[in-house]
Amino acid sequence: MSGGHFDYRESYLGYIAEQLEEDIKYNEIAYNISMPADTPYGFQHTAETVKFMTLMVEELYKLKELLKEYDYAVSGDSSREDFLDKARSLYGTTGAKTC
């Protein structure tokens, strides 16, 4: 059992979230060709864009966590009720959208 319903690809959502976090962190740093190639730089997004990026990060981590719980439920490692409990804790009882 031990999961694997999605071939563990849900973990890629965490990678995407981490990349967005890096983009947010370095947003204000302009590219400078005279700096070493591995110097981090950002894209100078607007504050509104960064706000939505932050929401995307939060949603990606939530979705990764919920997909993992679903994976466990359908693989027999936990129950459907455990999945619903996790979904309710992340999204409320109505499943309301957050973005």
PDB file of N, CA and C in Angstrom:
ATOM      1  N   MET A   1       0.845  -1.172   0.000  1.00  0.00           N
ATOM      2  CA  MET A   1       0.000   0.000   0.000  1.00  0.00           C
ATOM      3  C   MET A   1       0.897   1.245   0.000  1.00  0.00           C
ATOM      4  N   SER A   2       0.976   1.966   1.079  1.00  0.00           N
ATOM      5  CA  SER A   2       1.854   3.126   1.249  1.00  0.00           C
ATOM      6  C   SER A   2       1.745   4.171   0.151  1.00  0.00           C
ATOM      7  N   GLY A   3       0.566   4.447  -0.277  1.00  0.00           N
ATOM      8  CA  GLY A   3       0.379   5.512  -1.252  1.00  0.00           C
ATOM      9  C   GLY A   3       0.870   5.149  -2.633  1.00  0.00           C
ATOM     10  N   GLY A   4       1.162   6.154  -3.423  1.00  0.00           N
ATOM     11  CA  GLY A   4       1.646   5.931  -4.775  1.00  0.00           C
ATOM     12  C   GLY A   4       0.583   6.078  -5.844  1.00  0.00           C
ATOM     13  N   HIS A   5      -0.633   6.463  -5.441  1.00  0.00           N
ATOM     14  CA  HIS A   5      -1.720   6.610  -6.409  1.00  0.00           C
ATOM     15  C   HIS A   5      -1.348   7.583  -7.521  1.00  0.00           C
ATOM     16  N   PHE A   6      -0.608   8.619  -7.199  1.00  0.00           N
ATOM     17  CA  PHE A   6      -0.180   9.619  -8.180  1.00  0.00           C
ATOM     18  C   PHE A   6       1.293   9.436  -8.544  1.00  0.00           C
ATOM     19  N   ASP A   7       1.839   8.268  -8.263  1.00  0.00           N
ATOM     20  CA  ASP A   7       3.266   7.997  -8.485  1.00  0.00           C
ATOM     21  C   ASP A   7       4.138   9.041  -7.798  1.00  0.00           C
ATOM     22  N   TYR A   8       3.671   9.532  -6.667  1.00  0.00           N
ATOM     23  CA  TYR A   8       4.383  10.500  -5.827  1.00  0.00           C
ATOM     24  C   TYR A   8       4.654  11.826  -6.535  1.00  0.00           C
ATOM     25  N   ARG A   9       3.941  12.086  -7.614  1.00  0.00           N
ATOM     26  CA  ARG A   9       4.124  13.336  -8.361  1.00  0.00           C
ATOM     27  C   ARG A   9       3.559  14.547  -7.639  1.00  0.00           C
ATOM     28  N   GLU A  10       2.690  14.315  -6.656  1.00  0.00           N
ATOM     29  CA  GLU A  10       2.149  15.451  -5.906  1.00  0.00           C
ATOM     30  C   GLU A  10       3.262  16.231  -5.212  1.00  0.00           C
ATOM     31  N   SER A  11       4.389  15.594  -4.969  1.00  0.00           N
ATOM     32  CA  SER A  11       5.503  16.295  -4.327  1.00  0.00           C
ATOM     33  C   SER A  11       6.055  17.397  -5.227  1.00  0.00           C
ATOM     34  N   TYR A  12       5.820  17.305  -6.519  1.00  0.00           N
ATOM     35  CA  TYR A  12       6.276  18.343  -7.451  1.00  0.00           C
ATOM     36  C   TYR A  12       5.593  19.678  -7.157  1.00  0.00           C
ATOM     37  N   LEU A  13       4.381  19.617  -6.592  1.00  0.00           N
ATOM     38  CA  LEU A  13       3.698  20.859  -6.218  1.00  0.00           C
ATOM     39  C   LEU A  13       4.508  21.629  -5.187  1.00  0.00           C
ATOM     40  N   GLY A  14       5.175  20.912  -4.297  1.00  0.00           N
ATOM     41  CA  GLY A  14       6.045  21.546  -3.314  1.00  0.00           C
ATOM     42  C   GLY A  14       7.220  22.239  -3.983  1.00  0.00           C
ATOM     43  N   TYR A  15       7.774  21.611  -5.023  1.00  0.00           N
ATOM     44  CA  TYR A  15       8.868  22.229  -5.772  1.00  0.00           C
ATOM     45  C   TYR A  15       8.405  23.531  -6.416  1.00  0.00           C
ATOM     46  N   ILE A  16       7.225  23.514  -7.016  1.00  0.00           N
ATOM     47  CA  ILE A  16       6.688  24.727  -7.644  1.00  0.00           C
ATOM     48  C   ILE A  16       6.486  25.818  -6.596  1.00  0.00           C
ATOM     49  N   ALA A  17       5.931  25.445  -5.449  1.00  0.00           N
ATOM     50  CA  ALA A  17       5.723  26.414  -4.363  1.00  0.00           C
ATOM     51  C   ALA A  17       7.054  27.006  -3.909  1.00  0.00           C
ATOM     52  N   GLU A  18       8.067  26.166  -3.776  1.00  0.00           N
ATOM     53  CA  GLU A  18       9.384  26.649  -3.362  1.00  0.00           C
ATOM     54  C   GLU A  18       9.975  27.607  -4.384  1.00  0.00           C
ATOM     55  N   GLN A  19       9.783  27.320  -5.665  1.00  0.00           N
ATOM     56  CA  GLN A  19      10.291  28.214  -6.712  1.00  0.00           C
ATOM     57  C   GLN A  19       9.577  29.557  -6.654  1.00  0.00           C
ATOM     58  N   LEU A  20       8.271  29.536  -6.451  1.00  0.00           N
ATOM     59  CA  LEU A  20       7.528  30.790  -6.300  1.00  0.00           C
ATOM     60  C   LEU A  20       8.017  31.577  -5.085  1.00  0.00           C
ATOM     61  N   GLU A  21       8.299  30.866  -3.992  1.00  0.00           N
ATOM     62  CA  GLU A  21       8.827  31.541  -2.802  1.00  0.00           C
ATOM     63  C   GLU A  21      10.160  32.226  -3.109  1.00  0.00           C
ATOM     64  N   GLU A  22      11.002  31.578  -3.888  1.00  0.00           N
ATOM     65  CA  GLU A  22      12.273  32.185  -4.290  1.00  0.00           C
ATOM     66  C   GLU A  22      12.029  33.413  -5.169  1.00  0.00           C
ATOM     67  N   ASP A  23      11.087  33.295  -6.093  1.00  0.00           N
ATOM     68  CA  ASP A  23      10.759  34.434  -6.955  1.00  0.00           C
ATOM     69  C   ASP A  23      10.277  35.624  -6.130  1.00  0.00           C
ATOM     70  N   ILE A  24       9.492  35.347  -5.105  1.00  0.00           N
ATOM     71  CA  ILE A  24       9.005  36.410  -4.217  1.00  0.00           C
ATOM     72  C   ILE A  24      10.178  37.006  -3.435  1.00  0.00           C
ATOM     73  N   LYS A  25      11.015  36.141  -2.896  1.00  0.00           N
ATOM     74  CA  LYS A  25      12.139  36.581  -2.065  1.00  0.00           C
ATOM     75  C   LYS A  25      13.074  37.526  -2.827  1.00  0.00           C
ATOM     76  N   TYR A  26      13.367  37.207  -4.065  1.00  0.00           N
ATOM     77  CA  TYR A  26      14.319  37.985  -4.852  1.00  0.00           C
ATOM     78  C   TYR A  26      13.649  38.945  -5.836  1.00  0.00           C
ATOM     79  N   ASN A  27      12.360  39.141  -5.693  1.00  0.00           N
ATOM     80  CA  ASN A  27      11.596  39.936  -6.644  1.00  0.00           C
ATOM     81  C   ASN A  27      12.215  41.292  -6.953  1.00  0.00           C
ATOM     82  N   GLU A  28      12.683  41.995  -5.944  1.00  0.00           N
ATOM     83  CA  GLU A  28      13.161  43.369  -6.125  1.00  0.00           C
ATOM     84  C   GLU A  28      14.568  43.464  -6.700  1.00  0.00           C
ATOM     85  N   ILE A  29      15.277  42.349  -6.796  1.00  0.00           N
ATOM     86  CA  ILE A  29      16.656  42.387  -7.283  1.00  0.00           C
ATOM     87  C   ILE A  29      16.653  42.290  -8.809  1.00  0.00           C
ATOM     88  N   ALA A  30      17.162  43.328  -9.442  1.00  0.00           N
ATOM     89  CA  ALA A  30      17.208  43.368 -10.902  1.00  0.00           C
ATOM     90  C   ALA A  30      18.376  42.524 -11.419  1.00  0.00           C
ATOM     91  N   TYR A  31      18.200  41.977 -12.594  1.00  0.00           N
ATOM     92  CA  TYR A  31      19.267  41.213 -13.231  1.00  0.00           C
ATOM     93  C   TYR A  31      20.424  42.152 -13.559  1.00  0.00           C
ATOM     94  N   ASN A  32      21.630  41.662 -13.323  1.00  0.00           N
ATOM     95  CA  ASN A  32      22.831  42.445 -13.601  1.00  0.00           C
ATOM     96  C   ASN A  32      23.832  41.516 -14.266  1.00  0.00           C
ATOM     97  N   ILE A  33      24.098  41.752 -15.529  1.00  0.00           N
ATOM     98  CA  ILE A  33      24.972  40.862 -16.299  1.00  0.00           C
ATOM     99  C   ILE A  33      26.388  40.806 -15.739  1.00  0.00           C
ATOM    100  N   SER A  34      26.796  41.832 -15.012  1.00  0.00           N
ATOM    101  CA  SER A  34      28.153  41.849 -14.473  1.00  0.00           C
ATOM    102  C   SER A  34      28.308  40.980 -13.223  1.00  0.00           C
ATOM    103  N   MET A  35      27.208  40.483 -12.679  1.00  0.00           N
ATOM    104  CA  MET A  35      27.250  39.623 -11.492  1.00  0.00           C
ATOM    105  C   MET A  35      27.485  38.171 -11.920  1.00  0.00           C
ATOM    106  N   PRO A  36      27.993  37.335 -11.011  1.00  0.00           N
ATOM    107  CA  PRO A  36      28.176  35.913 -11.352  1.00  0.00           C
ATOM    108  C   PRO A  36      26.854  35.282 -11.812  1.00  0.00           C
ATOM    109  N   ALA A  37      26.963  34.281 -12.643  1.00  0.00           N
ATOM    110  CA  ALA A  37      25.778  33.660 -13.252  1.00  0.00           C
ATOM    111  C   ALA A  37      24.815  33.085 -12.226  1.00  0.00           C
ATOM    112  N   ASP A  38      25.317  32.656 -11.075  1.00  0.00           N
ATOM    113  CA  ASP A  38      24.441  32.041 -10.079  1.00  0.00           C
ATOM    114  C   ASP A  38      23.873  33.045  -9.076  1.00  0.00           C
ATOM    115  N   THR A  39      24.058  34.332  -9.332  1.00  0.00           N
ATOM    116  CA  THR A  39      23.500  35.360  -8.461  1.00  0.00           C
ATOM    117  C   THR A  39      21.988  35.403  -8.643  1.00  0.00           C
ATOM    118  N   PRO A  40      21.236  35.263  -7.556  1.00  0.00           N
ATOM    119  CA  PRO A  40      19.771  35.292  -7.703  1.00  0.00           C
ATOM    120  C   PRO A  40      19.282  36.684  -8.096  1.00  0.00           C
ATOM    121  N   TYR A  41      18.234  36.713  -8.872  1.00  0.00           N
ATOM    122  CA  TYR A  41      17.596  37.972  -9.242  1.00  0.00           C
ATOM    123  C   TYR A  41      16.108  37.731  -9.385  1.00  0.00           C
ATOM    124  N   GLY A  42      15.356  38.810  -9.396  1.00  0.00           N
ATOM    125  CA  GLY A  42      13.910  38.702  -9.476  1.00  0.00           C
ATOM    126  C   GLY A  42      13.366  39.297 -10.759  1.00  0.00           C
ATOM    127  N   PHE A  43      12.070  39.402 -10.794  1.00  0.00           N
ATOM    128  CA  PHE A  43      11.399  39.859 -12.012  1.00  0.00           C
ATOM    129  C   PHE A  43      10.692  41.195 -11.832  1.00  0.00           C
ATOM    130  N   GLN A  44      10.850  41.806 -10.667  1.00  0.00           N
ATOM    131  CA  GLN A  44      10.264  43.100 -10.347  1.00  0.00           C
ATOM    132  C   GLN A  44       8.742  43.128 -10.607  1.00  0.00           C
ATOM    133  N   HIS A  45       8.066  42.107 -10.095  1.00  0.00           N
ATOM    134  CA  HIS A  45       6.609  42.049 -10.202  1.00  0.00           C
ATOM    135  C   HIS A  45       5.976  43.139  -9.339  1.00  0.00           C
ATOM    136  N   THR A  46       4.760  43.505  -9.680  1.00  0.00           N
ATOM    137  CA  THR A  46       4.024  44.472  -8.879  1.00  0.00           C
ATOM    138  C   THR A  46       3.613  43.844  -7.553  1.00  0.00           C
ATOM    139  N   ALA A  47       3.241  44.697  -6.611  1.00  0.00           N
ATOM    140  CA  ALA A  47       2.791  44.213  -5.308  1.00  0.00           C
ATOM    141  C   ALA A  47       1.562  43.307  -5.456  1.00  0.00           C
ATOM    142  N   GLU A  48       0.684  43.647  -6.377  1.00  0.00           N
ATOM    143  CA  GLU A  48      -0.506  42.822  -6.580  1.00  0.00           C
ATOM    144  C   GLU A  48      -0.129  41.434  -7.097  1.00  0.00           C
ATOM    145  N   THR A  49       0.816  41.383  -8.005  1.00  0.00           N
ATOM    146  CA  THR A  49       1.271  40.091  -8.522  1.00  0.00           C
ATOM    147  C   THR A  49       1.887  39.256  -7.409  1.00  0.00           C
ATOM    148  N   VAL A  50       2.717  39.874  -6.585  1.00  0.00           N
ATOM    149  CA  VAL A  50       3.351  39.160  -5.469  1.00  0.00           C
ATOM    150  C   VAL A  50       2.294  38.646  -4.502  1.00  0.00           C
ATOM    151  N   LYS A  51       1.247  39.428  -4.302  1.00  0.00           N
ATOM    152  CA  LYS A  51       0.148  38.988  -3.432  1.00  0.00           C
ATOM    153  C   LYS A  51      -0.481  37.704  -3.974  1.00  0.00           C
ATOM    154  N   PHE A  52      -0.742  37.671  -5.270  1.00  0.00           N
ATOM    155  CA  PHE A  52      -1.337  36.470  -5.865  1.00  0.00           C
ATOM    156  C   PHE A  52      -0.344  35.306  -5.871  1.00  0.00           C
ATOM    157  N   MET A  53       0.925  35.600  -6.062  1.00  0.00           N
ATOM    158  CA  MET A  53       1.939  34.552  -5.995  1.00  0.00           C
ATOM    159  C   MET A  53       1.953  33.926  -4.600  1.00  0.00           C
ATOM    160  N   THR A  54       1.832  34.757  -3.576  1.00  0.00           N
ATOM    161  CA  THR A  54       1.799  34.273  -2.197  1.00  0.00           C
ATOM    162  C   THR A  54       0.590  33.369  -1.976  1.00  0.00           C
ATOM    163  N   LEU A  55      -0.557  33.764  -2.527  1.00  0.00           N
ATOM    164  CA  LEU A  55      -1.751  32.919  -2.435  1.00  0.00           C
ATOM    165  C   LEU A  55      -1.536  31.588  -3.155  1.00  0.00           C
ATOM    166  N   MET A  56      -0.882  31.633  -4.314  1.00  0.00           N
ATOM    167  CA  MET A  56      -0.609  30.397  -5.048  1.00  0.00           C
ATOM    168  C   MET A  56       0.273  29.466  -4.233  1.00  0.00           C
ATOM    169  N   VAL A  57       1.281  30.021  -3.564  1.00  0.00           N
ATOM    170  CA  VAL A  57       2.162  29.212  -2.726  1.00  0.00           C
ATOM    171  C   VAL A  57       1.339  28.504  -1.651  1.00  0.00           C
ATOM    172  N   GLU A  58       0.493  29.259  -0.970  1.00  0.00           N
ATOM    173  CA  GLU A  58      -0.344  28.679   0.085  1.00  0.00           C
ATOM    174  C   GLU A  58      -1.232  27.572  -0.471  1.00  0.00           C
ATOM    175  N   GLU A  59      -1.842  27.820  -1.616  1.00  0.00           N
ATOM    176  CA  GLU A  59      -2.743  26.834  -2.217  1.00  0.00           C
ATOM    177  C   GLU A  59      -1.983  25.586  -2.678  1.00  0.00           C
ATOM    178  N   LEU A  60      -0.806  25.777  -3.228  1.00  0.00           N
ATOM    179  CA  LEU A  60      -0.019  24.618  -3.661  1.00  0.00           C
ATOM    180  C   LEU A  60       0.335  23.716  -2.488  1.00  0.00           C
ATOM    181  N   TYR A  61       0.752  24.310  -1.378  1.00  0.00           N
ATOM    182  CA  TYR A  61       1.076  23.498  -0.203  1.00  0.00           C
ATOM    183  C   TYR A  61      -0.171  22.789   0.340  1.00  0.00           C
ATOM    184  N   LYS A  62      -1.306  23.495   0.344  1.00  0.00           N
ATOM    185  CA  LYS A  62      -2.553  22.858   0.790  1.00  0.00           C
ATOM    186  C   LYS A  62      -2.924  21.694  -0.123  1.00  0.00           C
ATOM    187  N   LEU A  63      -2.856  21.945  -1.422  1.00  0.00           N
ATOM    188  CA  LEU A  63      -3.226  20.913  -2.384  1.00  0.00           C
ATOM    189  C   LEU A  63      -2.296  19.709  -2.287  1.00  0.00           C
ATOM    190  N   LYS A  64      -1.002  19.962  -2.131  1.00  0.00           N
ATOM    191  CA  LYS A  64      -0.051  18.858  -1.967  1.00  0.00           C
ATOM    192  C   LYS A  64      -0.424  18.008  -0.758  1.00  0.00           C
ATOM    193  N   GLU A  65      -0.740  18.677   0.347  1.00  0.00           N
ATOM    194  CA  GLU A  65      -1.108  17.966   1.571  1.00  0.00           C
ATOM    195  C   GLU A  65      -2.407  17.179   1.391  1.00  0.00           C
ATOM    196  N   LEU A  66      -3.381  17.786   0.729  1.00  0.00           N
ATOM    197  CA  LEU A  66      -4.663  17.118   0.536  1.00  0.00           C
ATOM    198  C   LEU A  66      -4.548  15.950  -0.441  1.00  0.00           C
ATOM    199  N   LEU A  67      -3.761  16.112  -1.489  1.00  0.00           N
ATOM    200  CA  LEU A  67      -3.541  15.007  -2.425  1.00  0.00           C
ATOM    201  C   LEU A  67      -2.854  13.825  -1.735  1.00  0.00           C
ATOM    202  N   LYS A  68      -1.928  14.125  -0.852  1.00  0.00           N
ATOM    203  CA  LYS A  68      -1.264  13.057  -0.094  1.00  0.00           C
ATOM    204  C   LYS A  68      -2.277  12.300   0.756  1.00  0.00           C
ATOM    205  N   GLU A  69      -3.170  13.040   1.410  1.00  0.00           N
ATOM    206  CA  GLU A  69      -4.193  12.393   2.244  1.00  0.00           C
ATOM    207  C   GLU A  69      -5.152  11.574   1.378  1.00  0.00           C
ATOM    208  N   TYR A  70      -5.515  12.089   0.209  1.00  0.00           N
ATOM    209  CA  TYR A  70      -6.368  11.337  -0.714  1.00  0.00           C
ATOM    210  C   TYR A  70      -5.655  10.061  -1.155  1.00  0.00           C
ATOM    211  N   ASP A  71      -4.380  10.213  -1.495  1.00  0.00           N
ATOM    212  CA  ASP A  71      -3.564   9.070  -1.902  1.00  0.00           C
ATOM    213  C   ASP A  71      -3.596   7.981  -0.830  1.00  0.00           C
ATOM    214  N   TYR A  72      -3.401   8.373   0.430  1.00  0.00           N
ATOM    215  CA  TYR A  72      -3.449   7.408   1.525  1.00  0.00           C
ATOM    216  C   TYR A  72      -4.821   6.754   1.627  1.00  0.00           C
ATOM    217  N   ALA A  73      -5.862   7.549   1.448  1.00  0.00           N
ATOM    218  CA  ALA A  73      -7.224   7.013   1.576  1.00  0.00           C
ATOM    219  C   ALA A  73      -7.523   5.963   0.499  1.00  0.00           C
ATOM    220  N   VAL A  74      -7.209   6.267  -0.754  1.00  0.00           N
ATOM    221  CA  VAL A  74      -7.529   5.313  -1.821  1.00  0.00           C
ATOM    222  C   VAL A  74      -6.562   4.136  -1.852  1.00  0.00           C
ATOM    223  N   SER A  75      -5.430   4.285  -1.198  1.00  0.00           N
ATOM    224  CA  SER A  75      -4.468   3.178  -1.127  1.00  0.00           C
ATOM    225  C   SER A  75      -4.714   2.273   0.071  1.00  0.00           C
ATOM    226  N   GLY A  76      -5.665   2.651   0.917  1.00  0.00           N
ATOM    227  CA  GLY A  76      -5.993   1.845   2.076  1.00  0.00           C
ATOM    228  C   GLY A  76      -5.122   2.120   3.289  1.00  0.00           C
ATOM    229  N   ASP A  77      -4.269   3.151   3.232  1.00  0.00           N
ATOM    230  CA  ASP A  77      -3.406   3.486   4.361  1.00  0.00           C
ATOM    231  C   ASP A  77      -4.124   4.350   5.398  1.00  0.00           C
ATOM    232  N   SER A  78      -5.202   4.973   4.983  1.00  0.00           N
ATOM    233  CA  SER A  78      -6.065   5.713   5.915  1.00  0.00           C
ATOM    234  C   SER A  78      -7.499   5.531   5.407  1.00  0.00           C
ATOM    235  N   SER A  79      -8.387   6.365   5.859  1.00  0.00           N
ATOM    236  CA  SER A  79      -9.789   6.199   5.448  1.00  0.00           C
ATOM    237  C   SER A  79     -10.286   7.410   4.661  1.00  0.00           C
ATOM    238  N   ARG A  80     -11.416   7.223   4.024  1.00  0.00           N
ATOM    239  CA  ARG A  80     -12.047   8.343   3.322  1.00  0.00           C
ATOM    240  C   ARG A  80     -12.432   9.443   4.297  1.00  0.00           C
ATOM    241  N   GLU A  81     -12.790   9.046   5.516  1.00  0.00           N
ATOM    242  CA  GLU A  81     -13.134  10.042   6.534  1.00  0.00           C
ATOM    243  C   GLU A  81     -11.901  10.857   6.921  1.00  0.00           C
ATOM    244  N   ASP A  82     -10.740  10.217   6.980  1.00  0.00           N
ATOM    245  CA  ASP A  82      -9.499  10.960   7.240  1.00  0.00           C
ATOM    246  C   ASP A  82      -9.258  11.995   6.149  1.00  0.00           C
ATOM    247  N   PHE A  83      -9.518  11.586   4.896  1.00  0.00           N
ATOM    248  CA  PHE A  83      -9.388  12.529   3.778  1.00  0.00           C
ATOM    249  C   PHE A  83     -10.339  13.707   3.956  1.00  0.00           C
ATOM    250  N   LEU A  84     -11.596  13.407   4.264  1.00  0.00           N
ATOM    251  CA  LEU A  84     -12.576  14.480   4.441  1.00  0.00           C
ATOM    252  C   LEU A  84     -12.219  15.383   5.615  1.00  0.00           C
ATOM    253  N   ASP A  85     -11.713  14.804   6.690  1.00  0.00           N
ATOM    254  CA  ASP A  85     -11.281  15.618   7.830  1.00  0.00           C
ATOM    255  C   ASP A  85     -10.181  16.586   7.413  1.00  0.00           C
ATOM    256  N   LYS A  86      -9.212  16.095   6.635  1.00  0.00           N
ATOM    257  CA  LYS A  86      -8.118  16.951   6.164  1.00  0.00           C
ATOM    258  C   LYS A  86      -8.653  18.032   5.233  1.00  0.00           C
ATOM    259  N   ALA A  87      -9.547  17.646   4.317  1.00  0.00           N
ATOM    260  CA  ALA A  87     -10.125  18.615   3.380  1.00  0.00           C
ATOM    261  C   ALA A  87     -10.876  19.709   4.128  1.00  0.00           C
ATOM    262  N   ARG A  88     -11.654  19.309   5.111  1.00  0.00           N
ATOM    263  CA  ARG A  88     -12.405  20.292   5.903  1.00  0.00           C
ATOM    264  C   ARG A  88     -11.468  21.199   6.685  1.00  0.00           C
ATOM    265  N   SER A  89     -10.382  20.644   7.206  1.00  0.00           N
ATOM    266  CA  SER A  89      -9.450  21.468   7.984  1.00  0.00           C
ATOM    267  C   SER A  89      -8.725  22.473   7.089  1.00  0.00           C
ATOM    268  N   LEU A  90      -8.508  22.118   5.834  1.00  0.00           N
ATOM    269  CA  LEU A  90      -7.812  23.020   4.916  1.00  0.00           C
ATOM    270  C   LEU A  90      -8.743  24.010   4.223  1.00  0.00           C
ATOM    271  N   TYR A  91      -9.949  23.565   3.892  1.00  0.00           N
ATOM    272  CA  TYR A  91     -10.851  24.380   3.068  1.00  0.00           C
ATOM    273  C   TYR A  91     -12.185  24.692   3.716  1.00  0.00           C
ATOM    274  N   GLY A  92     -12.392  24.249   4.945  1.00  0.00           N
ATOM    275  CA  GLY A  92     -13.671  24.490   5.600  1.00  0.00           C
ATOM    276  C   GLY A  92     -14.692  23.469   5.184  1.00  0.00           C
ATOM    277  N   THR A  93     -15.826  23.508   5.835  1.00  0.00           N
ATOM    278  CA  THR A  93     -16.865  22.501   5.583  1.00  0.00           C
ATOM    279  C   THR A  93     -17.571  22.695   4.263  1.00  0.00           C
ATOM    280  N   THR A  94     -17.501  23.894   3.692  1.00  0.00           N
ATOM    281  CA  THR A  94     -18.199  24.150   2.422  1.00  0.00           C
ATOM    282  C   THR A  94     -17.298  23.930   1.209  1.00  0.00           C
ATOM    283  N   GLY A  95     -15.997  23.746   1.452  1.00  0.00           N
ATOM    284  CA  GLY A  95     -15.077  23.602   0.328  1.00  0.00           C
ATOM    285  C   GLY A  95     -14.906  24.891  -0.427  1.00  0.00           C
ATOM    286  N   ALA A  96     -15.068  26.000   0.270  1.00  0.00           N
ATOM    287  CA  ALA A  96     -15.002  27.322  -0.363  1.00  0.00           C
ATOM    288  C   ALA A  96     -13.651  27.563  -1.010  1.00  0.00           C
ATOM    289  N   LYS A  97     -13.689  28.250  -2.128  1.00  0.00           N
ATOM    290  CA  LYS A  97     -12.463  28.628  -2.830  1.00  0.00           C
ATOM    291  C   LYS A  97     -11.754  29.710  -2.022  1.00  0.00           C
ATOM    292  N   THR A  98     -10.434  29.689  -2.087  1.00  0.00           N
ATOM    293  CA  THR A  98      -9.670  30.708  -1.382  1.00  0.00           C
ATOM    294  C   THR A  98      -9.006  31.684  -2.345  1.00  0.00           C
ATOM    295  N   CYS A  99      -8.908  31.325  -3.602  1.00  0.00           N
ATOM    296  CA  CYS A  99      -8.308  32.241  -4.585  1.00  0.00           C
ATOM    297  C   CYS A  99      -9.401  32.877  -5.420  1.00  0.00           C
TER     298      CYS A  99
END
